[in-house]
């Protein structure tokens, strides 16, 4: 009976996993996201500023959709798209507001 209860609990937690969604926004850093890069201007482009903020100031890559900052699980993928509008497919961890990235592509 105890094993059955453990199995049912484990299956219930698996089914509660968040579903994958598509998010669209710009890959930026959590320092410049809402204010824009003009105040810091750590390079000639938004991508350069984003990377400099991450490398030199300890900022984190984020996806910013104009209202919400989402943390990203994969910084290598984020770095490749710094300063660009992207579509991210992944599951959102609501507690940490982090997207567990399944894929990232340039958006039009």
Protein backbone atom coordinates (compact mmCIF):
# COMPACT_ATOMS: atom_id res chain seq x y z
CA UNK A 1 0.00 0.00 0.00
CA UNK A 2 2.82 2.39 0.88
CA UNK A 3 4.53 1.73 -2.49
CA UNK A 4 1.27 2.47 -4.30
CA UNK A 5 0.96 5.80 -2.50
CA UNK A 6 4.54 6.72 -3.45
CA UNK A 7 3.88 5.78 -7.09
CA UNK A 8 0.68 7.83 -7.24
CA UNK A 9 2.43 10.84 -5.69
CA UNK A 10 5.32 10.58 -8.15
CA UNK A 11 2.98 10.35 -11.13
CA UNK A 12 0.98 13.33 -9.90
CA UNK A 13 4.11 15.46 -9.65
CA UNK A 14 5.14 14.51 -13.20
CA UNK A 15 1.78 15.50 -14.61
CA UNK A 16 2.04 18.86 -12.85
CA UNK A 17 5.13 19.82 -14.87
CA UNK A 18 4.58 23.04 -16.79
CA UNK A 19 3.76 22.70 -20.46
CA UNK A 20 5.96 24.19 -23.17
CA UNK A 21 4.87 27.59 -24.45
CA UNK A 22 6.19 30.06 -27.00
CA UNK A 23 7.56 33.38 -25.75
CA UNK A 24 8.55 36.27 -28.02
CA UNK A 25 10.82 39.12 -27.00
CA UNK A 26 14.31 40.54 -27.13
CA UNK A 27 17.39 38.89 -25.64
CA UNK A 28 18.92 41.54 -23.41
CA UNK A 29 20.35 41.82 -19.90
CA UNK A 30 18.55 42.41 -16.64
CA UNK A 31 20.30 45.76 -16.06
CA UNK A 32 19.29 47.44 -19.34
CA UNK A 33 16.07 45.59 -20.18
CA UNK A 34 13.47 48.11 -19.06
CA UNK A 35 15.47 51.34 -19.36
CA UNK A 36 17.17 50.48 -22.64
CA UNK A 37 20.85 50.47 -23.52
CA UNK A 38 21.20 54.23 -24.03
CA UNK A 39 22.04 54.90 -20.37
CA UNK A 40 24.83 52.29 -20.19
CA UNK A 41 25.91 52.12 -23.85
CA UNK A 42 28.64 49.54 -23.24
CA UNK A 43 29.28 49.15 -26.97
CA UNK A 44 28.12 50.38 -30.35
CA UNK A 45 25.15 48.00 -30.55
CA UNK A 46 22.52 46.64 -28.19
CA UNK A 47 24.09 43.19 -28.58
CA UNK A 48 27.51 44.53 -27.55
CA UNK A 49 26.01 46.35 -24.57
CA UNK A 50 24.12 43.23 -23.49
CA UNK A 51 27.24 41.07 -23.61
CA UNK A 52 29.33 43.70 -21.80
CA UNK A 53 26.75 44.02 -19.03
CA UNK A 54 26.75 40.24 -18.60
CA UNK A 55 30.54 39.87 -18.77
CA UNK A 56 31.64 42.98 -16.88
CA UNK A 57 28.77 43.83 -14.54
CA UNK A 58 27.39 40.43 -13.57
CA UNK A 59 24.07 40.95 -15.33
CA UNK A 60 22.02 37.97 -16.50
CA UNK A 61 20.64 37.32 -19.96
CA UNK A 62 16.87 37.71 -20.04
CA UNK A 63 14.02 37.64 -22.50
CA UNK A 64 12.09 40.92 -22.34
CA UNK A 65 8.70 41.05 -24.03
CA UNK A 66 8.04 44.72 -23.29
CA UNK A 67 6.39 44.02 -19.94
CA UNK A 68 7.99 40.99 -18.30
CA UNK A 69 11.58 39.86 -17.79
CA UNK A 70 12.07 36.12 -18.09
CA UNK A 71 15.28 34.49 -16.91
CA UNK A 72 16.73 31.90 -19.28
CA UNK A 73 18.10 28.45 -18.52
CA UNK A 74 20.71 28.42 -21.29
CA UNK A 75 23.13 31.35 -21.41
CA UNK A 76 24.99 30.03 -24.47
CA UNK A 77 21.84 30.12 -26.57
CA UNK A 78 20.97 33.54 -25.18
CA UNK A 79 24.45 34.90 -25.97
CA UNK A 80 24.12 33.79 -29.59
CA UNK A 81 20.96 35.93 -29.95
CA UNK A 82 21.97 38.94 -27.81
CA UNK A 83 20.16 42.10 -28.89
CA UNK A 84 17.82 40.22 -31.23
CA UNK A 85 14.09 39.55 -31.21
CA UNK A 86 13.52 35.82 -30.74
CA UNK A 87 10.93 33.13 -30.25
CA UNK A 88 11.68 30.85 -27.32
CA UNK A 89 9.88 27.57 -26.81
CA UNK A 90 10.10 26.23 -23.30
CA UNK A 91 8.45 25.64 -19.97
CA UNK A 92 8.13 28.52 -17.51
CA UNK A 93 9.06 27.88 -13.89
CA UNK A 94 6.65 30.32 -12.24
CA UNK A 95 8.55 30.33 -8.93
CA UNK A 96 11.80 31.61 -10.48
CA UNK A 97 10.31 33.13 -13.66
CA UNK A 98 12.85 31.10 -15.62
CA UNK A 99 12.17 29.60 -19.03
CA UNK A 100 13.64 26.11 -19.45
CA UNK A 101 14.61 26.54 -23.10
CA UNK A 102 13.76 23.83 -25.60
CA UNK A 103 14.50 25.96 -28.66
CA UNK A 104 15.32 29.54 -29.61
CA UNK A 105 15.01 31.04 -33.09
CA UNK A 106 15.14 34.53 -34.56
CA UNK A 107 11.72 36.17 -34.79
CA UNK A 108 10.57 38.36 -37.64
